[in-house]
Amino acid sequence: MAGRASGPASRGRKRGSMAAQTVTLVARGGRQVQFVEKDPAVGGVKDVYFAPDRSYVVAFYRKDPDAAGRERLERLVTTYRRNLLEKEGGSYYKDLFRWPECLVEHNGRTGIVVPVYDRRFYFPAGTGLDGVEKQGNWFTSAKNFNRNLPPGERGNLISYLRICVTLSRAVKRLHAAGLAHSDLSFKNCLVDPSSGSACIIDIDGLVVPGLFPPEVAGTPDFIAPEVMGTIKLPLGDPAKKLPCVDTDRHALAVLVYLYLLHRHPLRGSKVWSLEDEEQESLEMGEKALFIEHPTDPTNRRTVDPKTDGPFLPWIDTGRLPYTITGPYLSRLFRAAFVDHLHDPVRRPTADDWEEALVKTLDLILPCSGPSCPKSWFVFDNTRRPVCPYCGKAYGEPSVPVLDLYSTRDGSLYQPDNRRLMVFNNQYLYPWHAYRNVFPNGLLAPEQRRPLGYFAFHRGEWLLVNQDLPGLRDGEVPVPVGQAVKLSDRQRLVLSPGAGGRLAHVTLVRS
């Protein structure tokens, strides 16, 4: 990887103090750039200086990039930046990346200018981690999650699902542009569970197939098996596998699994070698085996409450199997870690993950357990739903389930393999009512506003119509501003006409 571009002074070690001096440069393209030449943060390959107003940093490479590296950087701040951030939806994607803005030269060194991270990606004052970056390992590690995170920073199931949605969208956008990150990991993804936000950083090592090769194999825990298995082969060997879009897909699957379950999908109890280096190579490479493989249990971890206390309940796959994430994500986890773990081209795409995560957000129910670590859980399609995280039974006497159907021609409704769980104050959005609306970064403001909401009132479930002019209970219109009672086997027409949706209501008595 080309190094860390946008980290603050807390990222890496600082060089000795020097007299503060503001240096003014003119970047390629004519922009005036300033930085304070004092106490740089020293990363792997760059020295990082803040602008006087601390709105951006200037990161200088200690080793001058070669011709290919320079061309990569030039395209990064021109062609690739324009294509990703200055076209339709660009304002949304700017928040998903810390993308270099321009190049500078100073004293024979090449530097890149990168916006600083948003304040939400630093732990706030009073947490005991004041000013520390919110790298993913704070939240993916079971021990950190259980013991080292301030309670107000742990987030809940909704926030982790949203983080994964954001990461999926960012990776999807890179891949759509023909780019690969090449080093996706919790180190290069800053997250904020308290707001459900995420941001991909350190992208100056982007891979362009056939043009700009990867500079590193990746970060341990996230290197794809085919790369790990050939990592010792020399460059130029036709059998050597390098980071690319397919390996990004593996890393993304690992990230989603880690954020939702706080354990690594491949690090189990199987011992392949007594030599640490060889064990790592086999466990993550040629012999990689899902810890929850349905037919081969040899890599499942044996839990010892005496020694594994700091990691429980997350490492206990018997208590918290991956299937608690619901049907859509379970299918992708099986594809990523069972069916296609060693079949790179058939791994789930970032688009697959985004769709599954969004649909999973519609399946969650609130947990009333006062000390539940996730506060929400995915409905398991049973009559007496119980939160898997704390064991608390669902508190409402019934659970309305809306199975969604859509019509292409305005008459025949077909199942969409989507459903919406109803709880008190749950909203109904345009992407529920209309088949051609999908929640993503390109939605117009009016497409983000709720069209209705659900309420439990005097022992009955109601849908209050806020902005659904075509809402019907069977054939009976439900005007805007009025409510309709939900009943078992009810058919609600949410929006008539081509592209409209119908909801079939099931009342599950809990």
Foldseek 3Di string as FASTA:
>chain_A
DQKFAADDLVAADWDDFDDWDKDWFQFVVGDIFIFTPTTFHDIDFWTWTAHPVRFKIKIWGPDADDPLLVVLVVCQQPVVLCVQQVDFLNVVCVLQEFGWHTWTADPRIIITITGHHDPLQADPPPFVRHRHGQQPLCQLALLNLQPVGRLLQNAFLVLLLLLLLSVLVNLVSQVVVQKHQQADDSRQKGGGRNRSDIYGGDRSQIDHPPRRFGPDQYDQLQRAQQQLLQVPPDPPPPSHDGGGQLSSLLNSLQSSCSNNQSDGQQQFDDAPDPDPSVRSSCSRYDVGAGCPAPPDNRRPHDDDCVPCVSNPPRSVCVLVPPCQLDDLSVVLNCQCHPVCSPPRVRHDHSVSSSVSSVLSSQQKDAAPPPPQSRRITGAPPDLFDAHSRPRHIDDDQKKKKWFKWAAQFQPDTDGPPGIGIADAFAFAFPVRWFVPDDDDSNDDPVRGDTQWTWHCDPNWIKIQGQHQCQWAFVPHDAHHGGIDTDDAQTWIFRHTGGRGMIIGIHIRGD
